[in-house]
Amino acid sequence: NYNNVLDNLSHNFLFNLEGSGSNPAGLDKATNKEFIFYSKFDF
């Protein structure tokens, strides 16, 4: 939940979260503690 720095759009950027350039707040995958089981991808 980064609504405070993502204009209330956490639900958008969570699902295209890559490097810091993937969202205006500069957040990367290391900030994601919500995914419990997932397939990892990398550019």
ModelCIF file with pLDDT and N, C-alpha, C, O atoms, coordinates in Angstrom:
data_MODEL
#
_entry.id   MODEL 
#
_entity.id                         1 
_entity.type                       polymer 
_entity.pdbx_number_of_molecules   1 
#
_entity_poly.entity_id                      1 
_entity_poly.type                           'polypeptide(L)' 
_entity_poly.nstd_linkage                   no 
_entity_poly.nstd_monomer                   no 
_entity_poly.pdbx_seq_one_letter_code       NYNNVLDNLSHNFLFNLEGSGSNPAGLDKATNKEFIFYSKFDF 
_entity_poly.pdbx_seq_one_letter_code_can   NYNNVLDNLSHNFLFNLEGSGSNPAGLDKATNKEFIFYSKFDF 
_entity_poly.pdbx_strand_id                 A 
#
loop_
_entity_poly_seq.entity_id 
_entity_poly_seq.num 
_entity_poly_seq.mon_id 
_entity_poly_seq.hetero 
1 1  ASN n 
1 2  TYR n 
1 3  ASN n 
1 4  ASN n 
1 5  VAL n 
1 6  LEU n 
1 7  ASP n 
1 8  ASN n 
1 9  LEU n 
1 10 SER n 
1 11 HIS n 
1 12 ASN n 
1 13 PHE n 
1 14 LEU n 
1 15 PHE n 
1 16 ASN n 
1 17 LEU n 
1 18 GLU n 
1 19 GLY n 
1 20 SER n 
1 21 GLY n 
1 22 SER n 
1 23 ASN n 
1 24 PRO n 
1 25 ALA n 
1 26 GLY n 
1 27 LEU n 
1 28 ASP n 
1 29 LYS n 
1 30 ALA n 
1 31 THR n 
1 32 ASN n 
1 33 LYS n 
1 34 GLU n 
1 35 PHE n 
1 36 ILE n 
1 37 PHE n 
1 38 TYR n 
1 39 SER n 
1 40 LYS n 
1 41 PHE n 
1 42 ASP n 
1 43 PHE n 
#
_struct_asym.id          A 
_struct_asym.entity_id   1 
#
loop_
_ma_qa_metric.id 
_ma_qa_metric.mode 
_ma_qa_metric.name 
_ma_qa_metric.software_group_id 
_ma_qa_metric.type 
1 global pLDDT . pLDDT 
2 local  pLDDT . pLDDT 
#
_ma_qa_metric_global.metric_id      1 
_ma_qa_metric_global.metric_value   95.00 
_ma_qa_metric_global.model_id       1 
_ma_qa_metric_global.ordinal_id     1 
#
loop_
_ma_qa_metric_local.label_asym_id 
_ma_qa_metric_local.label_comp_id 
_ma_qa_metric_local.label_seq_id 
_ma_qa_metric_local.metric_id 
_ma_qa_metric_local.metric_value 
_ma_qa_metric_local.model_id 
_ma_qa_metric_local.ordinal_id 
A ASN 1  2 98.00 1 1  
A TYR 2  2 98.00 1 2  
A ASN 3  2 98.00 1 3  
A ASN 4  2 98.00 1 4  
A VAL 5  2 97.00 1 5  
A LEU 6  2 96.00 1 6  
A ASP 7  2 94.00 1 7  
A ASN 8  2 96.00 1 8  
A LEU 9  2 95.00 1 9  
A SER 10 2 97.00 1 10 
A HIS 11 2 97.00 1 11 
A ASN 12 2 95.00 1 12 
A PHE 13 2 96.00 1 13 
A LEU 14 2 97.00 1 14 
A PHE 15 2 96.00 1 15 
A ASN 16 2 94.00 1 16 
A LEU 17 2 96.00 1 17 
A GLU 18 2 93.00 1 18 
A GLY 19 2 89.00 1 19 
A SER 20 2 90.00 1 20 
A GLY 21 2 91.00 1 21 
A SER 22 2 93.00 1 22 
A ASN 23 2 94.00 1 23 
A PRO 24 2 93.00 1 24 
A ALA 25 2 95.00 1 25 
A GLY 26 2 95.00 1 26 
A LEU 27 2 96.00 1 27 
A ASP 28 2 95.00 1 28 
A LYS 29 2 95.00 1 29 
A ALA 30 2 94.00 1 30 
A THR 31 2 97.00 1 31 
A ASN 32 2 97.00 1 32 
A LYS 33 2 96.00 1 33 
A GLU 34 2 98.00 1 34 
A PHE 35 2 97.00 1 35 
A ILE 36 2 97.00 1 36 
A PHE 37 2 96.00 1 37 
A TYR 38 2 94.00 1 38 
A SER 39 2 93.00 1 39 
A LYS 40 2 92.00 1 40 
A PHE 41 2 93.00 1 41 
A ASP 42 2 91.00 1 42 
A PHE 43 2 93.00 1 43 
#
loop_
_atom_site.group_PDB 
_atom_site.id 
_atom_site.type_symbol 
_atom_site.label_atom_id 
_atom_site.label_alt_id 
_atom_site.label_comp_id 
_atom_site.label_asym_id 
_atom_site.label_entity_id 
_atom_site.label_seq_id 
_atom_site.pdbx_PDB_ins_code 
_atom_site.Cartn_x 
_atom_site.Cartn_y 
_atom_site.Cartn_z 
_atom_site.occupancy 
_atom_site.B_iso_or_equiv 
_atom_site.pdbx_formal_charge 
_atom_site.auth_seq_id 
_atom_site.auth_comp_id 
_atom_site.auth_asym_id 
_atom_site.auth_atom_id 
_atom_site.pdbx_PDB_model_num 
ATOM 1   N N  . ASN A 1 1  ? 0.840  -1.192  0.000   1.00 98.00 ? 1  ASN A N  1 
ATOM 2   C CA . ASN A 1 1  ? 0.000  0.000   0.000   1.00 98.00 ? 1  ASN A CA 1 
ATOM 3   C C  . ASN A 1 1  ? 0.878  1.246   0.000   1.00 98.00 ? 1  ASN A C  1 
ATOM 4   O O  . ASN A 1 1  ? 1.401  1.656   1.036   1.00 98.00 ? 1  ASN A O  1 
ATOM 5   N N  . TYR A 1 2  ? 1.026  1.833   -1.176  1.00 98.00 ? 2  TYR A N  1 
ATOM 6   C CA . TYR A 1 2  ? 1.771  3.075   -1.333  1.00 98.00 ? 2  TYR A CA 1 
ATOM 7   C C  . TYR A 1 2  ? 0.862  4.143   -1.933  1.00 98.00 ? 2  TYR A C  1 
ATOM 8   O O  . TYR A 1 2  ? 1.296  4.966   -2.738  1.00 98.00 ? 2  TYR A O  1 
ATOM 9   N N  . ASN A 1 3  ? -0.387 4.114   -1.534  1.00 98.00 ? 3  ASN A N  1 
ATOM 10  C CA . ASN A 1 3  ? -1.344 5.084   -2.060  1.00 98.00 ? 3  ASN A CA 1 
ATOM 11  C C  . ASN A 1 3  ? -0.905 6.521   -1.827  1.00 98.00 ? 3  ASN A C  1 
ATOM 12  O O  . ASN A 1 3  ? -1.198 7.405   -2.632  1.00 98.00 ? 3  ASN A O  1 
ATOM 13  N N  . ASN A 1 4  ? -0.201 6.751   -0.726  1.00 98.00 ? 4  ASN A N  1 
ATOM 14  C CA . ASN A 1 4  ? 0.184  8.126   -0.387  1.00 98.00 ? 4  ASN A CA 1 
ATOM 15  C C  . ASN A 1 4  ? 1.199  8.714   -1.362  1.00 98.00 ? 4  ASN A C  1 
ATOM 16  O O  . ASN A 1 4  ? 1.297  9.935   -1.482  1.00 98.00 ? 4  ASN A O  1 
ATOM 17  N N  . VAL A 1 5  ? 1.955  7.865   -2.062  1.00 97.00 ? 5  VAL A N  1 
ATOM 18  C CA . VAL A 1 5  ? 2.939  8.384   -3.022  1.00 97.00 ? 5  VAL A CA 1 
ATOM 19  C C  . VAL A 1 5  ? 2.622  7.956   -4.452  1.00 97.00 ? 5  VAL A C  1 
ATOM 20  O O  . VAL A 1 5  ? 3.375  8.260   -5.377  1.00 97.00 ? 5  VAL A O  1 
ATOM 21  N N  . LEU A 1 6  ? 1.508  7.252   -4.630  1.00 96.00 ? 6  LEU A N  1 
ATOM 22  C CA . LEU A 1 6  ? 1.131  6.788   -5.971  1.00 96.00 ? 6  LEU A CA 1 
ATOM 23  C C  . LEU A 1 6  ? -0.264 7.272   -6.361  1.00 96.00 ? 6  LEU A C  1 
ATOM 24  O O  . LEU A 1 6  ? -0.941 6.642   -7.174  1.00 96.00 ? 6  LEU A O  1 
ATOM 25  N N  . ASP A 1 7  ? -0.684 8.374   -5.790  1.00 94.00 ? 7  ASP A N  1 
ATOM 26  C CA . ASP A 1 7  ? -1.978 8.945   -6.150  1.00 94.00 ? 7  ASP A CA 1 
ATOM 27  C C  . ASP A 1 7  ? -3.099 7.910   -6.033  1.00 94.00 ? 7  ASP A C  1 
ATOM 28  O O  . ASP A 1 7  ? -3.980 7.830   -6.889  1.00 94.00 ? 7  ASP A O  1 
ATOM 29  N N  . ASN A 1 8  ? -3.049 7.128   -4.966  1.00 96.00 ? 8  ASN A N  1 
ATOM 30  C CA . ASN A 1 8  ? -4.075 6.107   -4.689  1.00 96.00 ? 8  ASN A CA 1 
ATOM 31  C C  . ASN A 1 8  ? -4.153 5.019   -5.757  1.00 96.00 ? 8  ASN A C  1 
ATOM 32  O O  . ASN A 1 8  ? -5.218 4.444   -5.981  1.00 96.00 ? 8  ASN A O  1 
ATOM 33  N N  . LEU A 1 9  ? -3.037 4.738   -6.411  1.00 95.00 ? 9  LEU A N  1 
ATOM 34  C CA . LEU A 1 9  ? -3.027 3.766   -7.496  1.00 95.00 ? 9  LEU A CA 1 
ATOM 35  C C  . LEU A 1 9  ? -2.158 2.548   -7.197  1.00 95.00 ? 9  LEU A C  1 
ATOM 36  O O  . LEU A 1 9  ? -1.549 1.980   -8.104  1.00 95.00 ? 9  LEU A O  1 
ATOM 37  N N  . SER A 1 10 ? -2.099 2.148   -5.933  1.00 97.00 ? 10 SER A N  1 
ATOM 38  C CA . SER A 1 10 ? -1.323 0.959   -5.580  1.00 97.00 ? 10 SER A CA 1 
ATOM 39  C C  . SER A 1 10 ? -1.780 -0.252  -6.381  1.00 97.00 ? 10 SER A C  1 
ATOM 40  O O  . SER A 1 10 ? -0.962 -1.080  -6.781  1.00 97.00 ? 10 SER A O  1 
ATOM 41  N N  . HIS A 1 11 ? -3.081 -0.356  -6.615  1.00 97.00 ? 11 HIS A N  1 
ATOM 42  C CA . HIS A 1 11 ? -3.607 -1.520  -7.312  1.00 97.00 ? 11 HIS A CA 1 
ATOM 43  C C  . HIS A 1 11 ? -3.233 -1.541  -8.795  1.00 97.00 ? 11 HIS A C  1 
ATOM 44  O O  . HIS A 1 11 ? -3.403 -2.565  -9.457  1.00 97.00 ? 11 HIS A O  1 
ATOM 45  N N  . ASN A 1 12 ? -2.742 -0.459  -9.309  1.00 95.00 ? 12 ASN A N  1 
ATOM 46  C CA . ASN A 1 12 ? -2.236 -0.481  -10.678 1.00 95.00 ? 12 ASN A CA 1 
ATOM 47  C C  . ASN A 1 12 ? -0.767 -0.867  -10.704 1.00 95.00 ? 12 ASN A C  1 
ATOM 48  O O  . ASN A 1 12 ? -0.374 -1.777  -11.434 1.00 95.00 ? 12 ASN A O  1 
ATOM 49  N N  . PHE A 1 13 ? 0.037  -0.190  -9.922  1.00 96.00 ? 13 PHE A N  1 
ATOM 50  C CA . PHE A 1 13 ? 1.479  -0.365  -10.020 1.00 96.00 ? 13 PHE A CA 1 
ATOM 51  C C  . PHE A 1 13 ? 1.979  -1.650  -9.378  1.00 96.00 ? 13 PHE A C  1 
ATOM 52  O O  . PHE A 1 13 ? 3.068  -2.117  -9.708  1.00 96.00 ? 13 PHE A O  1 
ATOM 53  N N  . LEU A 1 14 ? 1.202  -2.231  -8.464  1.00 97.00 ? 14 LEU A N  1 
ATOM 54  C CA . LEU A 1 14 ? 1.600  -3.523  -7.903  1.00 97.00 ? 14 LEU A CA 1 
ATOM 55  C C  . LEU A 1 14 ? 1.721  -4.578  -8.988  1.00 97.00 ? 14 LEU A C  1 
ATOM 56  O O  . LEU A 1 14 ? 2.565  -5.469  -8.898  1.00 97.00 ? 14 LEU A O  1 
ATOM 57  N N  . PHE A 1 15 ? 0.880  -4.485  -10.016 1.00 96.00 ? 15 PHE A N  1 
ATOM 58  C CA . PHE A 1 15 ? 0.812  -5.534  -11.026 1.00 96.00 ? 15 PHE A CA 1 
ATOM 59  C C  . PHE A 1 15 ? 1.670  -5.258  -12.258 1.00 96.00 ? 15 PHE A C  1 
ATOM 60  O O  . PHE A 1 15 ? 1.615  -6.007  -13.233 1.00 96.00 ? 15 PHE A O  1 
ATOM 61  N N  . ASN A 1 16 ? 2.465  -4.185  -12.218 1.00 94.00 ? 16 ASN A N  1 
ATOM 62  C CA . ASN A 1 16 ? 3.509  -4.018  -13.235 1.00 94.00 ? 16 ASN A CA 1 
ATOM 63  C C  . ASN A 1 16 ? 4.805  -3.555  -12.572 1.00 94.00 ? 16 ASN A C  1 
ATOM 64  O O  . ASN A 1 16 ? 5.595  -2.817  -13.162 1.00 94.00 ? 16 ASN A O  1 
ATOM 65  N N  . LEU A 1 17 ? 5.003  -4.003  -11.341 1.00 96.00 ? 17 LEU A N  1 
ATOM 66  C CA . LEU A 1 17 ? 6.146  -3.587  -10.537 1.00 96.00 ? 17 LEU A CA 1 
ATOM 67  C C  . LEU A 1 17 ? 7.423  -4.277  -11.025 1.00 96.00 ? 17 LEU A C  1 
ATOM 68  O O  . LEU A 1 17 ? 7.548  -5.501  -10.965 1.00 96.00 ? 17 LEU A O  1 
ATOM 69  N N  . GLU A 1 18 ? 8.360  -3.471  -11.504 1.00 93.00 ? 18 GLU A N  1 
ATOM 70  C CA . GLU A 1 18 ? 9.676  -3.986  -11.924 1.00 93.00 ? 18 GLU A CA 1 
ATOM 71  C C  . GLU A 1 18 ? 10.758 -3.197  -11.193 1.00 93.00 ? 18 GLU A C  1 
ATOM 72  O O  . GLU A 1 18 ? 10.847 -3.232  -9.965  1.00 93.00 ? 18 GLU A O  1 
ATOM 73  N N  . GLY A 1 19 ? 11.591 -2.477  -11.976 1.00 89.00 ? 19 GLY A N  1 
ATOM 74  C CA . GLY A 1 19 ? 12.580 -1.608  -11.367 1.00 89.00 ? 19 GLY A CA 1 
ATOM 75  C C  . GLY A 1 19 ? 11.943 -0.292  -10.948 1.00 89.00 ? 19 GLY A C  1 
ATOM 76  O O  . GLY A 1 19 ? 10.732 -0.109  -11.073 1.00 89.00 ? 19 GLY A O  1 
ATOM 77  N N  . SER A 1 20 ? 12.763 0.613   -10.454 1.00 90.00 ? 20 SER A N  1 
ATOM 78  C CA . SER A 1 20 ? 12.259 1.885   -9.942  1.00 90.00 ? 20 SER A CA 1 
ATOM 79  C C  . SER A 1 20 ? 11.610 2.735   -11.019 1.00 90.00 ? 20 SER A C  1 
ATOM 80  O O  . SER A 1 20 ? 10.844 3.648   -10.709 1.00 90.00 ? 20 SER A O  1 
ATOM 81  N N  . GLY A 1 21 ? 11.911 2.445   -12.296 1.00 91.00 ? 21 GLY A N  1 
ATOM 82  C CA . GLY A 1 21 ? 11.310 3.211   -13.376 1.00 91.00 ? 21 GLY A CA 1 
ATOM 83  C C  . GLY A 1 21 ? 9.915  2.775   -13.741 1.00 91.00 ? 21 GLY A C  1 
ATOM 84  O O  . GLY A 1 21 ? 9.296  3.374   -14.620 1.00 91.00 ? 21 GLY A O  1 
ATOM 85  N N  . SER A 1 22 ? 9.401  1.746   -13.091 1.00 93.00 ? 22 SER A N  1 
ATOM 86  C CA . SER A 1 22 ? 8.077  1.236   -13.446 1.00 93.00 ? 22 SER A CA 1 
ATOM 87  C C  . SER A 1 22 ? 6.943  1.979   -12.768 1.00 93.00 ? 22 SER A C  1 
ATOM 88  O O  . SER A 1 22 ? 5.775  1.671   -13.003 1.00 93.00 ? 22 SER A O  1 
ATOM 89  N N  . ASN A 1 23 ? 7.267  2.957   -11.928 1.00 94.00 ? 23 ASN A N  1 
ATOM 90  C CA . ASN A 1 23 ? 6.226  3.738   -11.254 1.00 94.00 ? 23 ASN A CA 1 
ATOM 91  C C  . ASN A 1 23 ? 6.808  5.082   -10.841 1.00 94.00 ? 23 ASN A C  1 
ATOM 92  O O  . ASN A 1 23 ? 8.024  5.215   -10.700 1.00 94.00 ? 23 ASN A O  1 
ATOM 93  N N  . PRO A 1 24 ? 5.954  6.075   -10.646 1.00 93.00 ? 24 PRO A N  1 
ATOM 94  C CA . PRO A 1 24 ? 6.462  7.430   -10.373 1.00 93.00 ? 24 PRO A CA 1 
ATOM 95  C C  . PRO A 1 24 ? 7.093  7.602   -9.006  1.00 93.00 ? 24 PRO A C  1 
ATOM 96  O O  . PRO A 1 24 ? 7.758  8.609   -8.765  1.00 93.00 ? 24 PRO A O  1 
ATOM 97  N N  . ALA A 1 25 ? 6.903  6.641   -8.094  1.00 95.00 ? 25 ALA A N  1 
ATOM 98  C CA . ALA A 1 25 ? 7.489  6.759   -6.760  1.00 95.00 ? 25 ALA A CA 1 
ATOM 99  C C  . ALA A 1 25 ? 8.857  6.092   -6.671  1.00 95.00 ? 25 ALA A C  1 
ATOM 100 O O  . ALA A 1 25 ? 9.501  6.144   -5.623  1.00 95.00 ? 25 ALA A O  1 
ATOM 101 N N  . GLY A 1 26 ? 9.312  5.464   -7.762  1.00 95.00 ? 26 GLY A N  1 
ATOM 102 C CA . GLY A 1 26 ? 10.632 4.837   -7.752  1.00 95.00 ? 26 GLY A CA 1 
ATOM 103 C C  . GLY A 1 26 ? 10.712 3.572   -6.920  1.00 95.00 ? 26 GLY A C  1 
ATOM 104 O O  . GLY A 1 26 ? 11.780 3.232   -6.411  1.00 95.00 ? 26 GLY A O  1 
ATOM 105 N N  . LEU A 1 27 ? 9.598  2.870   -6.776  1.00 96.00 ? 27 LEU A N  1 
ATOM 106 C CA . LEU A 1 27 ? 9.563  1.641   -5.983  1.00 96.00 ? 27 LEU A CA 1 
ATOM 107 C C  . LEU A 1 27 ? 9.952  0.447   -6.850  1.00 96.00 ? 27 LEU A C  1 
ATOM 108 O O  . LEU A 1 27 ? 9.627  0.401   -8.036  1.00 96.00 ? 27 LEU A O  1 
ATOM 109 N N  . ASP A 1 28 ? 10.649 -0.518  -6.253  1.00 95.00 ? 28 ASP A N  1 
ATOM 110 C CA . ASP A 1 28 ? 11.032 -1.709  -7.008  1.00 95.00 ? 28 ASP A CA 1 
ATOM 111 C C  . ASP A 1 28 ? 10.481 -2.963  -6.333  1.00 95.00 ? 28 ASP A C  1 
ATOM 112 O O  . ASP A 1 28 ? 9.727  -2.879  -5.364  1.00 95.00 ? 28 ASP A O  1 
ATOM 113 N N  . LYS A 1 29 ? 10.868 -4.128  -6.860  1.00 95.00 ? 29 LYS A N  1 
ATOM 114 C CA . LYS A 1 29 ? 10.310 -5.383  -6.356  1.00 95.00 ? 29 LYS A CA 1 
ATOM 115 C C  . LYS A 1 29 ? 10.667 -5.665  -4.900  1.00 95.00 ? 29 LYS A C  1 
ATOM 116 O O  . LYS A 1 29 ? 9.949  -6.396  -4.218  1.00 95.00 ? 29 LYS A O  1 
ATOM 117 N N  . ALA A 1 30 ? 11.753 -5.101  -4.426  1.00 94.00 ? 30 ALA A N  1 
ATOM 118 C CA . ALA A 1 30 ? 12.153 -5.335  -3.044  1.00 94.00 ? 30 ALA A CA 1 
ATOM 119 C C  . ALA A 1 30 ? 11.128 -4.796  -2.053  1.00 94.00 ? 30 ALA A C  1 
ATOM 120 O O  . ALA A 1 30 ? 11.109 -5.205  -0.892  1.00 94.00 ? 30 ALA A O  1 
ATOM 121 N N  . THR A 1 31 ? 10.280 -3.883  -2.507  1.00 97.00 ? 31 THR A N  1 
ATOM 122 C CA . THR A 1 31 ? 9.254  -3.314  -1.615  1.00 97.00 ? 31 THR A CA 1 
ATOM 123 C C  . THR A 1 31 ? 8.025  -4.204  -1.508  1.00 97.00 ? 31 THR A C  1 
ATOM 124 O O  . THR A 1 31 ? 7.153  -3.954  -0.675  1.00 97.00 ? 31 THR A O  1 
ATOM 125 N N  . ASN A 1 32 ? 7.941  -5.233  -2.332  1.00 97.00 ? 32 ASN A N  1 
ATOM 126 C CA . ASN A 1 32 ? 6.734  -6.054  -2.399  1.00 97.00 ? 32 ASN A CA 1 
ATOM 127 C C  . ASN A 1 32 ? 6.807  -7.215  -1.409  1.00 97.00 ? 32 ASN A C  1 
ATOM 128 O O  . ASN A 1 32 ? 7.517  -8.193  -1.639  1.00 97.00 ? 32 ASN A O  1 
ATOM 129 N N  . LYS A 1 33 ? 6.076  -7.099  -0.320  1.00 96.00 ? 33 LYS A N  1 
ATOM 130 C CA . LYS A 1 33 ? 5.978  -8.173  0.673   1.00 96.00 ? 33 LYS A CA 1 
ATOM 131 C C  . LYS A 1 33 ? 4.587  -8.786  0.677   1.00 96.00 ? 33 LYS A C  1 
ATOM 132 O O  . LYS A 1 33 ? 4.199  -9.455  1.635   1.00 96.00 ? 33 LYS A O  1 
ATOM 133 N N  . GLU A 1 34 ? 3.834  -8.557  -0.402  1.00 98.00 ? 34 GLU A N  1 
ATOM 134 C CA . GLU A 1 34 ? 2.468  -9.074  -0.481  1.00 98.00 ? 34 GLU A CA 1 
ATOM 135 C C  . GLU A 1 34 ? 2.394  -10.422 -1.187  1.00 98.00 ? 34 GLU A C  1 
ATOM 136 O O  . GLU A 1 34 ? 1.559  -11.256 -0.835  1.00 98.00 ? 34 GLU A O  1 
ATOM 137 N N  . PHE A 1 35 ? 3.253  -10.647 -2.177  1.00 97.00 ? 35 PHE A N  1 
ATOM 138 C CA . PHE A 1 35 ? 3.203  -11.893 -2.932  1.00 97.00 ? 35 PHE A CA 1 
ATOM 139 C C  . PHE A 1 35 ? 3.756  -13.033 -2.083  1.00 97.00 ? 35 PHE A C  1 
ATOM 140 O O  . PHE A 1 35 ? 4.887  -12.962 -1.602  1.00 97.00 ? 35 PHE A O  1 
ATOM 141 N N  . ILE A 1 36 ? 2.965  -14.072 -1.900  1.00 97.00 ? 36 ILE A N  1 
ATOM 142 C CA . ILE A 1 36 ? 3.351  -15.218 -1.082  1.00 97.00 ? 36 ILE A CA 1 
ATOM 143 C C  . ILE A 1 36 ? 3.911  -16.335 -1.945  1.00 97.00 ? 36 ILE A C  1 
ATOM 144 O O  . ILE A 1 36 ? 4.920  -16.947 -1.596  1.00 97.00 ? 36 ILE A O  1 
ATOM 145 N N  . PHE A 1 37 ? 3.263  -16.602 -3.066  1.00 96.00 ? 37 PHE A N  1 
ATOM 146 C CA . PHE A 1 37 ? 3.770  -17.562 -4.043  1.00 96.00 ? 37 PHE A CA 1 
ATOM 147 C C  . PHE A 1 37 ? 3.599  -16.944 -5.415  1.00 96.00 ? 37 PHE A C  1 
ATOM 148 O O  . PHE A 1 37 ? 2.506  -16.510 -5.779  1.00 96.00 ? 37 PHE A O  1 
ATOM 149 N N  . TYR A 1 38 ? 4.678  -16.905 -6.172  1.00 94.00 ? 38 TYR A N  1 
ATOM 150 C CA . TYR A 1 38 ? 4.653  -16.178 -7.434  1.00 94.00 ? 38 TYR A CA 1 
ATOM 151 C C  . TYR A 1 38 ? 5.756  -16.681 -8.342  1.00 94.00 ? 38 TYR A C  1 
ATOM 152 O O  . TYR A 1 38 ? 6.722  -17.293 -7.887  1.00 94.00 ? 38 TYR A O  1 
ATOM 153 N N  . SER A 1 39 ? 5.603  -16.420 -9.623  1.00 93.00 ? 39 SER A N  1 
ATOM 154 C CA . SER A 1 39 ? 6.644  -16.728 -10.594 1.00 93.00 ? 39 SER A CA 1 
ATOM 155 C C  . SER A 1 39 ? 7.508  -15.490 -10.792 1.00 93.00 ? 39 SER A C  1 
ATOM 156 O O  . SER A 1 39 ? 6.998  -14.405 -11.072 1.00 93.00 ? 39 SER A O  1 
ATOM 157 N N  . LYS A 1 40 ? 8.818  -15.661 -10.645 1.00 92.00 ? 40 LYS A N  1 
ATOM 158 C CA . LYS A 1 40 ? 9.742  -14.542 -10.750 1.00 92.00 ? 40 LYS A CA 1 
ATOM 159 C C  . LYS A 1 40 ? 10.130 -14.294 -12.203 1.00 92.00 ? 40 LYS A C  1 
ATOM 160 O O  . LYS A 1 40 ? 10.364 -15.229 -12.969 1.00 92.00 ? 40 LYS A O  1 
ATOM 161 N N  . PHE A 1 41 ? 10.195 -13.023 -12.562 1.00 93.00 ? 41 PHE A N  1 
ATOM 162 C CA . PHE A 1 41 ? 10.655 -12.606 -13.891 1.00 93.00 ? 41 PHE A CA 1 
ATOM 163 C C  . PHE A 1 41 ? 11.669 -11.485 -13.712 1.00 93.00 ? 41 PHE A C  1 
ATOM 164 O O  . PHE A 1 41 ? 11.714 -10.827 -12.673 1.00 93.00 ? 41 PHE A O  1 
ATOM 165 N N  . ASP A 1 42 ? 12.474 -11.281 -14.735 1.00 91.00 ? 42 ASP A N  1 
ATOM 166 C CA . ASP A 1 42 ? 13.513 -10.259 -14.669 1.00 91.00 ? 42 ASP A CA 1 
ATOM 167 C C  . ASP A 1 42 ? 13.872 -9.828  -16.089 1.00 91.00 ? 42 ASP A C  1 
ATOM 168 O O  . ASP A 1 42 ? 13.948 -10.661 -16.992 1.00 91.00 ? 42 ASP A O  1 
ATOM 169 N N  . PHE A 1 43 ? 14.089 -8.544  -16.284 1.00 93.00 ? 43 PHE A N  1 
ATOM 170 C CA . PHE A 1 43 ? 14.344 -8.019  -17.623 1.00 93.00 ? 43 PHE A CA 1 
ATOM 171 C C  . PHE A 1 43 ? 15.611 -8.598  -18.238 1.00 93.00 ? 43 PHE A C  1 
ATOM 172 O O  . PHE A 1 43 ? 15.963 -8.254  -19.366 1.00 93.00 ? 43 PHE A O  1 
#
